[in-house]
Amino acid sequence: MTNKATQLSESHHPRPQWRSRMGFIFAALGSAVGLGNIWRFSYLCYKNGGGAFLIPYGIALLVVGVPLMILELGLGHKMRGSTPMCFAKVDRHWEWAGWWSVNCAMFGIMVYYAVIIAWCLSYVFFSFNLSWGMDPNNFFFNEYLQVSAAPGLIGDVRTPIVSSLLGVWTLCWVIVFFGVQKGIEKANKIFMPLLFVLILILVFWSVSLKGASVGIKQYLTPDFSLLSKPQIWIDAFSQIFFTLSLGFGIMMTYASYLPRKVNIVKDALTISVGNCLFSFISGFAVFGVLGYMATTTGKPVSEVVKESIGLAFVTYPQAISLMPGFAKIFGVLFFSTLVIAGLSSAISLIEAFTSAIIDKFHYSRRVIVTAVCVTGFFGSMLFATNAGIYWIDIVDHFITHYGLVTIGILQCILVGWVLKSQKLREHINHSAQWTLSKLWDFCIRFLTPSALAILLINDIVKESAKPYGDYSWIAVILIGRDWLLVALVVSLFIAARSWRTDLQIEKKPQEEKV
């Protein structure tokens, strides 16, 4: 830190706080536990040899997940601000990276994530009369989505999706509109216990199905030979990074609402392990149904699912249709679980961006939340078109594999080398019962960014030879790469704007802590 380092004062307005530690834990878990915990995690296990995937997944949790969770919670708590403010307090030249984080989360992930939640909400109603019939694949792709032939053939906006999408954005608006205590904390105190109860019901129901043991056996039986393949490690590290909401700017924002005395290490472990435990438990529900599907159709478990998105919207509906009794109730429970998991994550994505705008420009929360949700709704329309599923696939891949991973590396550099990880570790240990050792410094400065860099380089090398998903180069560049670049340019523009005059910027000598 040079003597030109600046610190932003937080005296301009009081920061809201969680009513209780449990309220914070529920909100953080609500952000981390999302759609990906139920169908994406299970599909990656399925794709990578069942139990074999759990080994690199656990290692990724220790190498990347927990160290970065501690970093984000610790930095947010120390700097008492949203991600752009946290970055600016360390070094004003890094503010743009904070804006890139929340811009990718809000106008990258949230605008398409809302559409996937809308699909789930539609399927809650479809479950009442099993509208998908005997061919769920045809129903989903050709009747409901009416998928076009290519990403460039955008086509029309699908009215059935838009009606559900409006409901999703309205619910998000209502919750975030009422703020941290009355909105987000209260909603998650309802969502998380309900979500846990629903997933337990699904687990017990699924494992009781005929042939469920076949699927569960594959889920828990590792094929150690697969551990020599790089892809299983890449998938595991990517999933940990995505599932814990790292790099989104959410955890820093949520931690800034904590009281001064708090046990960061304990909370980070609770959130990280709790999230992964939820994924592991939900795997029993998914693999139980896959085993049932395999037994009923006479196919091996390895051939039941063809692609990730098909697990939730094709395979599960097909399995529900084959159930001898209470099929409609099971369908309503399953898709309601997905909706609640999605909403708990969606409100955190909106809050991270909202908090950043309020910190810098001091606009009213209600005005910002309304403007953000209206803009987000219309932005989501693009993903509700005939080509929407292609755009979701490409944008999701580029943001999660390139954008968020890059942001994770930047965070490690900022804290490890600019701020100095020792300073943050001392802050975390100051009021903690569970303290950090110097091993955490080593992880943040060397191990974690190296692991993320390997992921990033691998994707770049692989996709330089062949475009992602067999799409055309034009589609990949214009949709994927340029989405990230636009978010970056907007971030640089916002970072160049002045903070409001009542947000004081003070010069601090080198030896004084930020």
Protein backbone atom coordinates (compact mmCIF):
# COMPACT_ATOMS: atom_id res chain seq x y z
CA MET A 1 0.00 0.00 0.00
CA THR A 2 1.49 3.32 -0.97
CA ASN A 3 0.96 6.61 0.84
CA LYS A 4 -1.43 7.49 -1.96
CA ALA A 5 -3.84 4.80 -0.85
CA THR A 6 -7.28 6.03 -0.03
CA GLN A 7 -9.97 5.01 2.35
CA LEU A 8 -13.63 5.70 1.80
CA SER A 9 -15.49 6.82 4.89
CA GLU A 10 -18.71 5.02 5.85
CA SER A 11 -19.90 7.88 8.03
CA HIS A 12 -22.18 9.15 5.26
CA HIS A 13 -25.04 6.85 6.19
CA PRO A 14 -25.71 4.01 8.66
CA ARG A 15 -25.40 0.56 7.14
CA PRO A 16 -28.28 -1.87 7.67
CA GLN A 17 -27.61 -4.99 9.72
CA TRP A 18 -29.00 -8.48 10.00
CA ARG A 19 -31.30 -9.00 12.96
CA SER A 20 -29.47 -12.19 13.92
CA ARG A 21 -26.56 -14.42 12.95
CA MET A 22 -29.03 -17.10 11.88
CA GLY A 23 -30.70 -14.58 9.56
CA PHE A 24 -27.33 -13.97 7.89
CA ILE A 25 -26.55 -17.70 7.64
CA PHE A 26 -29.94 -18.41 6.06
CA ALA A 27 -29.49 -15.53 3.58
CA ALA A 28 -25.96 -16.64 2.64
CA LEU A 29 -27.08 -20.25 2.30
CA GLY A 30 -30.06 -19.03 0.28
CA SER A 31 -27.66 -17.36 -2.13
CA ALA A 32 -25.38 -20.39 -2.38
CA VAL A 33 -28.11 -23.04 -2.58
CA GLY A 34 -29.77 -22.69 -5.96
CA LEU A 35 -30.90 -24.61 -9.00
CA GLY A 36 -27.36 -25.80 -9.62
CA ASN A 37 -27.27 -27.67 -6.29
CA ILE A 38 -30.10 -29.93 -7.37
CA TRP A 39 -29.77 -30.61 -11.09
CA ARG A 40 -26.32 -29.26 -12.12
CA PHE A 41 -24.41 -30.95 -9.30
CA SER A 42 -26.25 -34.23 -9.85
CA TYR A 43 -25.68 -34.10 -13.60
CA LEU A 44 -21.94 -33.53 -13.13
CA CYS A 45 -21.83 -36.52 -10.77
CA TYR A 46 -23.73 -38.52 -13.36
CA LYS A 47 -21.47 -37.36 -16.18
CA ASN A 48 -18.25 -38.00 -14.24
CA GLY A 49 -18.81 -41.50 -12.94
CA GLY A 50 -21.02 -40.95 -9.90
CA GLY A 51 -19.01 -41.23 -6.69
CA ALA A 52 -15.73 -40.46 -8.45
CA PHE A 53 -16.83 -36.84 -8.82
CA LEU A 54 -17.22 -36.42 -5.06
CA ILE A 55 -13.46 -36.78 -4.50
CA PRO A 56 -12.26 -33.79 -6.61
CA TYR A 57 -15.38 -31.92 -5.48
CA GLY A 58 -14.28 -32.23 -1.85
CA ILE A 59 -10.73 -31.20 -2.72
CA ALA A 60 -12.02 -28.19 -4.65
CA LEU A 61 -14.04 -27.17 -1.59
CA LEU A 62 -10.86 -27.08 0.51
CA VAL A 63 -8.55 -25.49 -2.09
CA VAL A 64 -10.88 -22.89 -3.61
CA GLY A 65 -14.24 -22.83 -1.87
CA VAL A 66 -13.42 -22.25 1.79
CA PRO A 67 -10.41 -19.90 1.28
CA LEU A 68 -12.36 -17.63 -1.09
CA MET A 69 -15.47 -17.71 1.11
CA ILE A 70 -13.35 -16.52 4.04
CA LEU A 71 -11.78 -13.85 1.81
CA GLU A 72 -15.12 -12.48 0.62
CA LEU A 73 -16.78 -12.50 4.03
CA GLY A 74 -13.69 -11.05 5.68
CA LEU A 75 -13.20 -8.25 3.14
CA GLY A 76 -16.89 -7.31 3.16
CA HIS A 77 -16.92 -7.21 6.96
CA LYS A 78 -13.69 -5.20 7.24
CA MET A 79 -14.53 -2.62 4.57
CA ARG A 80 -18.25 -2.35 5.41
CA GLY A 81 -19.40 -2.00 1.83
CA SER A 82 -20.53 -3.59 -1.39
CA THR A 83 -17.91 -5.19 -3.64
CA PRO A 84 -16.98 -2.02 -5.61
CA MET A 85 -16.64 -0.09 -2.36
CA CYS A 86 -14.54 -2.87 -0.80
CA PHE A 87 -12.20 -2.88 -3.78
CA ALA A 88 -12.01 0.91 -3.82
CA LYS A 89 -11.14 1.03 -0.13
CA VAL A 90 -8.17 -1.23 -0.78
CA ASP A 91 -7.06 0.65 -3.91
CA ARG A 92 -9.16 3.05 -5.99
CA HIS A 93 -7.57 1.69 -9.17
CA TRP A 94 -9.30 -1.66 -8.49
CA GLU A 95 -12.84 -0.34 -8.21
CA TRP A 96 -13.66 -1.40 -11.79
CA ALA A 97 -13.13 -5.08 -10.86
CA GLY A 98 -15.78 -4.76 -8.17
CA TRP A 99 -18.23 -3.31 -10.66
CA TRP A 100 -17.39 -6.04 -13.17
CA SER A 101 -18.30 -8.59 -10.51
CA VAL A 102 -21.75 -7.18 -9.72
CA ASN A 103 -22.48 -6.34 -13.38
CA CYS A 104 -21.78 -9.93 -14.42
CA ALA A 105 -23.96 -11.16 -11.57
CA MET A 106 -26.89 -8.85 -12.30
CA PHE A 107 -26.92 -8.32 -16.06
CA GLY A 108 -25.20 -11.57 -16.93
CA ILE A 109 -26.41 -14.30 -14.61
CA MET A 110 -29.63 -12.87 -13.18
CA VAL A 111 -31.25 -11.99 -16.50
CA TYR A 112 -31.04 -15.59 -17.73
CA TYR A 113 -31.34 -17.23 -14.31
CA ALA A 114 -34.77 -15.63 -13.95
CA VAL A 115 -35.85 -17.36 -17.17
CA ILE A 116 -34.79 -20.78 -15.87
CA ILE A 117 -36.76 -20.12 -12.66
CA ALA A 118 -39.69 -19.16 -14.90
CA TRP A 119 -39.42 -22.54 -16.65
CA CYS A 120 -39.57 -24.24 -13.25
CA LEU A 121 -42.57 -22.15 -12.24
CA SER A 122 -44.37 -23.11 -15.45
CA TYR A 123 -43.62 -26.76 -14.75
CA VAL A 124 -45.19 -26.47 -11.29
CA PHE A 125 -48.48 -25.77 -13.07
CA PHE A 126 -47.79 -28.34 -15.79
CA SER A 127 -47.44 -30.96 -13.05
CA PHE A 128 -51.08 -30.65 -12.02
CA ASN A 129 -52.20 -32.42 -15.20
CA LEU A 130 -48.86 -33.78 -16.48
CA SER A 131 -49.05 -31.49 -19.51
CA TRP A 132 -45.82 -32.85 -21.01
CA GLY A 133 -47.56 -36.11 -21.96
CA MET A 134 -45.60 -39.18 -22.98
CA ASP A 135 -42.85 -37.27 -24.79
CA PRO A 136 -41.38 -34.70 -22.36
CA ASN A 137 -38.44 -34.03 -24.70
CA ASN A 138 -40.71 -32.92 -27.55
CA PHE A 139 -42.91 -30.95 -25.15
CA PHE A 140 -40.03 -29.00 -23.61
CA PHE A 141 -38.02 -28.18 -26.71
CA ASN A 142 -40.66 -28.03 -29.44
CA GLU A 143 -43.90 -27.05 -27.71
CA TYR A 144 -42.89 -25.01 -24.66
CA LEU A 145 -39.63 -23.39 -25.83
CA GLN A 146 -40.24 -23.79 -29.57
CA VAL A 147 -36.47 -23.76 -30.06
CA SER A 148 -35.17 -22.23 -33.29
CA ALA A 149 -32.48 -23.79 -35.46
CA ALA A 150 -29.60 -21.51 -34.40
CA PRO A 151 -28.67 -18.74 -31.90
CA GLY A 152 -28.95 -16.11 -34.62
CA LEU A 153 -32.57 -17.01 -35.33
CA ILE A 154 -33.98 -15.22 -32.30
CA GLY A 155 -37.63 -15.53 -33.36
CA ASP A 156 -40.51 -14.52 -31.11
CA VAL A 157 -40.85 -14.05 -27.37
CA ARG A 158 -42.63 -17.05 -25.87
CA THR A 159 -45.75 -15.81 -24.08
CA PRO A 160 -46.00 -18.79 -21.66
CA ILE A 161 -42.46 -18.08 -20.47
CA VAL A 162 -43.04 -14.33 -20.14
CA SER A 163 -46.07 -14.78 -17.89
CA SER A 164 -44.02 -16.90 -15.46
CA LEU A 165 -41.05 -14.55 -15.86
CA LEU A 166 -43.17 -11.60 -14.76
CA GLY A 167 -44.10 -13.53 -11.63
CA VAL A 168 -40.45 -14.28 -10.86
CA TRP A 169 -39.29 -10.68 -11.23
CA THR A 170 -42.28 -9.41 -9.23
CA LEU A 171 -41.47 -11.72 -6.32
CA CYS A 172 -37.81 -10.66 -6.41
CA TRP A 173 -38.81 -6.99 -6.51
CA VAL A 174 -41.11 -7.30 -3.50
CA ILE A 175 -38.48 -9.08 -1.38
CA VAL A 176 -35.49 -6.84 -2.17
CA PHE A 177 -37.67 -3.71 -2.09
CA PHE A 178 -38.21 -4.10 1.67
CA GLY A 179 -34.50 -4.23 2.41
CA VAL A 180 -32.17 -6.44 4.39
CA GLN A 181 -34.17 -7.14 7.55
CA LYS A 182 -37.79 -6.95 6.41
CA GLY A 183 -37.22 -8.41 2.93
CA ILE A 184 -34.19 -10.62 2.34
CA GLU A 185 -33.69 -11.92 5.88
CA LYS A 186 -37.39 -12.61 6.46
CA ALA A 187 -37.81 -14.32 3.07
CA ASN A 188 -34.82 -16.61 3.60
CA LYS A 189 -36.02 -17.58 7.07
CA ILE A 190 -39.04 -18.99 5.23
CA PHE A 191 -37.31 -20.24 2.08
CA MET A 192 -34.44 -22.20 3.61
CA PRO A 193 -36.33 -24.35 6.16
CA LEU A 194 -39.03 -24.96 3.55
CA LEU A 195 -36.42 -25.89 0.95
CA PHE A 196 -34.73 -28.31 3.34
CA VAL A 197 -38.06 -29.97 4.20
CA LEU A 198 -39.00 -30.29 0.54
CA ILE A 199 -35.68 -31.85 -0.45
CA LEU A 200 -35.93 -34.35 2.42
CA ILE A 201 -39.43 -35.32 1.26
CA LEU A 202 -38.11 -35.80 -2.27
CA VAL A 203 -35.17 -37.88 -0.99
CA PHE A 204 -37.32 -40.23 1.07
CA TRP A 205 -39.84 -40.52 -1.76
CA SER A 206 -37.18 -41.12 -4.42
CA VAL A 207 -35.20 -43.76 -2.52
CA SER A 208 -38.41 -45.74 -1.96
CA LEU A 209 -39.05 -46.08 -5.69
CA LYS A 210 -38.52 -49.39 -7.44
CA GLY A 211 -34.92 -49.64 -8.67
CA ALA A 212 -33.76 -46.55 -6.76
CA SER A 213 -30.87 -48.51 -5.25
CA VAL A 214 -29.41 -48.99 -8.74
CA GLY A 215 -29.00 -45.24 -9.18
CA ILE A 216 -27.82 -44.62 -5.63
CA LYS A 217 -25.19 -47.31 -5.99
CA GLN A 218 -23.74 -45.48 -9.00
CA TYR A 219 -23.92 -42.20 -7.08
CA LEU A 220 -21.85 -43.52 -4.17
CA THR A 221 -19.51 -45.93 -5.97
CA PRO A 222 -16.37 -44.19 -7.27
CA ASP A 223 -14.56 -45.25 -10.41
CA PHE A 224 -11.05 -44.22 -9.40
CA SER A 225 -9.75 -44.59 -12.97
CA LEU A 226 -11.70 -41.44 -13.91
CA LEU A 227 -9.58 -39.34 -11.54
CA SER A 228 -6.78 -39.39 -14.09
CA LYS A 229 -8.92 -37.42 -16.55
CA PRO A 230 -8.55 -33.61 -16.36
CA GLN A 231 -12.22 -32.95 -17.14
CA ILE A 232 -13.51 -34.36 -13.86
CA TRP A 233 -11.23 -31.98 -11.93
CA ILE A 234 -12.21 -29.02 -14.11
CA ASP A 235 -15.91 -29.74 -13.61
CA ALA A 236 -15.47 -30.14 -9.84
CA PHE A 237 -13.56 -26.87 -9.37
CA SER A 238 -15.96 -25.00 -11.67
CA GLN A 239 -18.96 -26.31 -9.75
CA ILE A 240 -17.54 -25.32 -6.36
CA PHE A 241 -16.83 -21.81 -7.60
CA PHE A 242 -20.32 -21.42 -9.05
CA THR A 243 -22.33 -23.14 -6.32
CA LEU A 244 -20.89 -21.04 -3.47
CA SER A 245 -21.76 -17.76 -5.28
CA LEU A 246 -18.08 -16.78 -5.29
CA GLY A 247 -17.10 -13.85 -7.47
CA PHE A 248 -20.68 -12.54 -7.67
CA GLY A 249 -20.15 -9.79 -5.10
CA ILE A 250 -22.90 -11.30 -2.94
CA MET A 251 -20.93 -12.59 0.03
CA MET A 252 -19.00 -9.33 0.47
CA THR A 253 -22.26 -7.40 0.43
CA TYR A 254 -23.97 -9.73 2.89
CA ALA A 255 -20.95 -9.66 5.22
CA SER A 256 -21.00 -5.85 5.24
CA TYR A 257 -24.36 -6.07 7.04
CA LEU A 258 -22.84 -8.07 9.93
CA PRO A 259 -22.12 -6.53 13.37
CA ARG A 260 -18.54 -5.67 14.33
CA LYS A 261 -18.09 -8.77 16.48
CA VAL A 262 -18.50 -11.88 14.36
CA ASN A 263 -16.79 -15.22 13.76
CA ILE A 264 -15.95 -15.06 10.05
CA VAL A 265 -14.17 -18.43 9.87
CA LYS A 266 -16.99 -20.32 11.56
CA ASP A 267 -19.62 -18.66 9.35
CA ALA A 268 -17.60 -19.33 6.18
CA LEU A 269 -17.28 -23.02 7.05
CA THR A 270 -20.97 -23.23 7.95
CA ILE A 271 -22.03 -21.72 4.63
CA SER A 272 -19.55 -23.67 2.48
CA VAL A 273 -20.09 -27.07 4.08
CA GLY A 274 -23.84 -26.52 4.47
CA ASN A 275 -24.18 -25.72 0.77
CA CYS A 276 -22.20 -28.77 -0.33
CA LEU A 277 -24.07 -30.99 2.12
CA PHE A 278 -27.35 -29.84 0.57
CA SER A 279 -26.00 -30.79 -2.87
CA PHE A 280 -24.92 -34.20 -1.60
CA ILE A 281 -28.31 -34.89 0.00
CA SER A 282 -30.23 -33.76 -3.08
CA GLY A 283 -28.12 -36.19 -5.12
CA PHE A 284 -29.96 -39.08 -3.45
CA ALA A 285 -33.27 -37.71 -4.73
CA VAL A 286 -31.96 -37.34 -8.28
CA PHE A 287 -30.11 -40.65 -8.50
CA GLY A 288 -33.00 -42.49 -6.87
CA VAL A 289 -35.23 -41.29 -9.70
CA LEU A 290 -32.55 -42.15 -12.28
CA GLY A 291 -32.40 -45.68 -10.89
CA TYR A 292 -36.17 -45.88 -11.10
CA MET A 293 -36.04 -44.63 -14.69
CA ALA A 294 -33.39 -47.21 -15.62
CA THR A 295 -35.39 -50.07 -14.08
CA THR A 296 -38.69 -48.97 -15.64
CA THR A 297 -37.36 -48.34 -19.16
CA GLY A 298 -34.83 -51.18 -19.23
CA LYS A 299 -31.95 -48.81 -19.95
CA PRO A 300 -28.68 -48.62 -18.00
CA VAL A 301 -28.38 -45.62 -15.68
CA SER A 302 -25.60 -44.24 -17.91
CA GLU A 303 -28.06 -43.78 -20.80
CA VAL A 304 -31.03 -42.24 -19.01
CA VAL A 305 -29.86 -38.60 -19.27
CA LYS A 306 -28.41 -37.05 -22.41
CA GLU A 307 -27.66 -33.47 -21.28
CA SER A 308 -27.68 -31.29 -18.18
CA ILE A 309 -30.81 -29.28 -18.91
CA GLY A 310 -32.62 -32.47 -19.83
CA LEU A 311 -32.27 -33.86 -16.31
CA ALA A 312 -34.72 -31.34 -14.84
CA PHE A 313 -37.09 -30.77 -17.75
CA VAL A 314 -37.06 -34.05 -19.67
CA THR A 315 -35.90 -36.97 -17.52
CA TYR A 316 -37.72 -35.96 -14.35
CA PRO A 317 -41.06 -35.29 -16.10
CA GLN A 318 -40.71 -38.62 -17.87
CA ALA A 319 -40.05 -40.35 -14.55
CA ILE A 320 -43.00 -38.56 -12.94
CA SER A 321 -45.30 -39.76 -15.72
CA LEU A 322 -44.21 -43.36 -15.09
CA MET A 323 -44.89 -43.26 -11.35
CA PRO A 324 -47.73 -45.58 -10.29
CA GLY A 325 -49.25 -43.15 -7.78
CA PHE A 326 -49.18 -39.53 -6.60
CA ALA A 327 -47.24 -38.54 -9.72
CA LYS A 328 -48.77 -35.08 -9.86
CA ILE A 329 -47.95 -34.34 -6.22
CA PHE A 330 -44.34 -35.44 -6.76
CA GLY A 331 -44.08 -33.16 -9.80
CA VAL A 332 -45.45 -30.16 -7.90
CA LEU A 333 -43.03 -30.81 -5.01
CA PHE A 334 -40.00 -31.20 -7.26
CA PHE A 335 -40.53 -28.09 -9.36
CA SER A 336 -41.62 -26.04 -6.34
CA THR A 337 -38.31 -26.97 -4.75
CA LEU A 338 -36.48 -25.69 -7.82
CA VAL A 339 -38.46 -22.42 -7.79
CA ILE A 340 -37.69 -21.73 -4.12
CA ALA A 341 -34.01 -22.61 -4.58
CA GLY A 342 -33.86 -20.28 -7.56
CA LEU A 343 -35.61 -17.37 -5.85
CA SER A 344 -33.34 -17.49 -2.79
CA SER A 345 -30.33 -17.08 -5.10
CA ALA A 346 -31.99 -14.52 -7.38
CA ILE A 347 -32.68 -12.00 -4.62
CA SER A 348 -29.02 -12.10 -3.60
CA LEU A 349 -27.89 -11.31 -7.15
CA ILE A 350 -30.18 -8.27 -7.22
CA GLU A 351 -29.10 -7.15 -3.74
CA ALA A 352 -25.38 -7.24 -4.63
CA PHE A 353 -25.92 -4.79 -7.51
CA THR A 354 -28.45 -2.67 -5.63
CA SER A 355 -26.12 -2.24 -2.66
CA ALA A 356 -23.27 -1.18 -4.97
CA ILE A 357 -25.37 1.54 -6.62
CA ILE A 358 -26.64 2.81 -3.26
CA ASP A 359 -23.10 2.93 -1.86
CA LYS A 360 -21.75 4.99 -4.74
CA PHE A 361 -24.65 7.24 -5.75
CA HIS A 362 -26.91 7.22 -2.62
CA TYR A 363 -30.09 6.76 -4.58
CA SER A 364 -33.14 5.49 -2.74
CA ARG A 365 -33.26 1.69 -2.35
CA ARG A 366 -36.84 1.57 -3.55
CA VAL A 367 -36.04 3.57 -6.68
CA ILE A 368 -32.97 1.46 -7.48
CA VAL A 369 -34.67 -1.88 -6.86
CA THR A 370 -37.63 -0.91 -9.01
CA ALA A 371 -35.43 0.34 -11.85
CA VAL A 372 -33.18 -2.73 -11.68
CA CYS A 373 -36.07 -5.21 -11.69
CA VAL A 374 -37.90 -3.49 -14.54
CA THR A 375 -34.69 -3.34 -16.59
CA GLY A 376 -33.88 -6.94 -15.69
CA PHE A 377 -37.33 -8.13 -16.74
CA PHE A 378 -36.98 -6.61 -20.19
CA GLY A 379 -33.40 -7.89 -20.43
CA SER A 380 -34.65 -11.40 -19.67
CA MET A 381 -36.97 -11.20 -22.66
CA LEU A 382 -34.04 -12.02 -24.94
CA PHE A 383 -33.64 -15.35 -23.17
CA ALA A 384 -37.37 -16.04 -23.42
CA THR A 385 -37.28 -16.11 -27.23
CA ASN A 386 -37.09 -19.12 -29.55
CA ALA A 387 -33.29 -18.89 -29.43
CA GLY A 388 -33.23 -18.23 -25.69
CA ILE A 389 -31.86 -21.60 -24.64
CA TYR A 390 -28.83 -21.13 -26.91
CA TRP A 391 -28.16 -17.68 -25.46
CA ILE A 392 -28.51 -19.02 -21.92
CA ASP A 393 -26.01 -21.78 -22.65
CA ILE A 394 -23.40 -19.48 -24.22
CA VAL A 395 -23.71 -16.57 -21.78
CA ASP A 396 -23.70 -18.93 -18.77
CA HIS A 397 -20.57 -20.69 -20.01
CA PHE A 398 -18.59 -17.52 -20.66
CA ILE A 399 -19.56 -15.78 -17.42
CA THR A 400 -18.98 -18.79 -15.15
CA HIS A 401 -15.89 -20.17 -16.91
CA TYR A 402 -14.18 -16.90 -17.81
CA GLY A 403 -15.76 -13.93 -16.02
CA LEU A 404 -16.20 -15.25 -12.49
CA VAL A 405 -12.98 -17.26 -12.51
CA THR A 406 -11.06 -14.17 -13.61
CA ILE A 407 -12.73 -12.14 -10.87
CA GLY A 408 -11.73 -14.82 -8.36
CA ILE A 409 -8.10 -14.51 -9.45
CA LEU A 410 -8.29 -10.72 -9.22
CA GLN A 411 -9.67 -10.98 -5.68
CA CYS A 412 -6.73 -13.15 -4.67
CA ILE A 413 -4.27 -10.66 -6.14
CA LEU A 414 -6.01 -7.70 -4.52
CA VAL A 415 -6.15 -9.22 -1.03
CA GLY A 416 -3.01 -11.33 -1.21
CA TRP A 417 -0.64 -8.79 -2.71
CA VAL A 418 -2.17 -5.28 -2.68
CA LEU A 419 -3.89 -5.25 0.70
CA LYS A 420 -1.63 -8.04 2.03
CA SER A 421 -3.49 -11.13 3.21
CA GLN A 422 -1.93 -10.84 6.67
CA LYS A 423 -3.90 -7.64 7.33
CA LEU A 424 -7.21 -9.27 6.50
CA ARG A 425 -6.28 -12.37 8.50
CA GLU A 426 -5.52 -10.20 11.53
CA HIS A 427 -8.90 -8.49 11.18
CA ILE A 428 -10.70 -11.84 10.93
CA ASN A 429 -8.83 -13.25 13.93
CA HIS A 430 -9.41 -10.14 16.04
CA SER A 431 -12.91 -11.14 17.13
CA ALA A 432 -13.01 -14.80 16.15
CA GLN A 433 -13.10 -17.94 18.27
CA TRP A 434 -11.90 -19.93 15.26
CA THR A 435 -8.74 -18.27 13.98
CA LEU A 436 -6.92 -18.45 10.67
CA SER A 437 -3.34 -19.67 10.33
CA LYS A 438 -0.73 -18.54 7.82
CA LEU A 439 -1.83 -21.45 5.64
CA TRP A 440 -4.73 -19.28 4.53
CA ASP A 441 -2.26 -16.62 3.35
CA PHE A 442 -0.51 -19.27 1.26
CA CYS A 443 -3.83 -20.37 -0.26
CA ILE A 444 -4.90 -16.84 -1.18
CA ARG A 445 -1.53 -15.73 -2.53
CA PHE A 446 -0.52 -18.89 -4.38
CA LEU A 447 -2.65 -22.06 -4.24
CA THR A 448 -6.17 -20.76 -4.96
CA PRO A 449 -5.26 -18.34 -7.81
CA SER A 450 -3.04 -21.03 -9.36
CA ALA A 451 -5.93 -23.53 -9.37
CA LEU A 452 -8.25 -20.93 -10.92
CA ALA A 453 -5.62 -19.94 -13.49
CA ILE A 454 -5.29 -23.59 -14.58
CA LEU A 455 -9.06 -23.75 -15.10
CA LEU A 456 -9.00 -20.53 -17.10
CA ILE A 457 -6.03 -21.52 -19.29
CA ASN A 458 -7.50 -24.95 -19.96
CA ASP A 459 -10.76 -23.46 -21.22
CA ILE A 460 -8.96 -20.92 -23.38
CA VAL A 461 -6.72 -23.56 -24.98
CA LYS A 462 -9.56 -26.03 -25.53
CA GLU A 463 -11.96 -23.49 -26.99
CA SER A 464 -9.36 -21.77 -29.15
CA ALA A 465 -9.20 -24.95 -31.20
CA LYS A 466 -12.93 -25.58 -31.30
CA PRO A 467 -15.80 -23.20 -30.40
CA TYR A 468 -17.80 -24.03 -27.30
CA GLY A 469 -20.77 -26.33 -27.75
CA ASP A 470 -20.23 -26.71 -31.49
CA TYR A 471 -21.78 -23.28 -32.00
CA SER A 472 -20.49 -21.07 -34.80
CA TRP A 473 -17.54 -18.81 -34.06
CA ILE A 474 -19.74 -15.78 -34.72
CA ALA A 475 -22.28 -16.86 -32.09
CA VAL A 476 -19.62 -17.63 -29.50
CA ILE A 477 -17.81 -14.32 -30.04
CA LEU A 478 -20.82 -12.01 -30.34
CA ILE A 479 -22.88 -13.61 -27.56
CA GLY A 480 -20.31 -14.99 -25.14
CA ARG A 481 -17.13 -12.97 -25.39
CA ASP A 482 -18.79 -9.65 -26.15
CA TRP A 483 -21.25 -10.02 -23.25
CA LEU A 484 -18.27 -10.07 -20.91
CA LEU A 485 -16.57 -7.19 -22.72
CA VAL A 486 -19.66 -4.99 -22.58
CA ALA A 487 -19.97 -5.68 -18.84
CA LEU A 488 -16.29 -4.73 -18.47
CA VAL A 489 -16.65 -1.47 -20.43
CA VAL A 490 -19.71 -0.48 -18.37
CA SER A 491 -17.77 -1.29 -15.20
CA LEU A 492 -14.88 0.95 -16.22
CA PHE A 493 -17.35 3.74 -17.01
CA ILE A 494 -19.11 3.52 -13.63
CA ALA A 495 -15.79 3.28 -11.78
CA ALA A 496 -14.69 6.52 -13.46
CA ARG A 497 -17.68 8.39 -12.00
CA SER A 498 -17.12 10.35 -8.80
CA TRP A 499 -18.44 9.14 -5.49
CA ARG A 500 -21.06 11.41 -3.96
CA THR A 501 -19.57 14.36 -2.11
CA ASP A 502 -20.72 13.07 1.25
CA LEU A 503 -18.71 9.88 0.65
CA GLN A 504 -15.44 11.27 1.96
CA ILE A 505 -12.13 10.10 0.56
CA GLU A 506 -9.27 10.48 2.98
CA LYS A 507 -5.55 10.14 2.50
CA LYS A 508 -4.00 7.61 4.87
CA PRO A 509 -0.34 7.05 5.67
CA GLN A 510 1.23 3.79 4.66
CA GLU A 511 1.44 2.29 8.15
CA GLU A 512 -2.24 2.85 8.97
CA LYS A 513 -4.62 -0.03 8.34
CA VAL A 514 -7.20 0.27 5.61
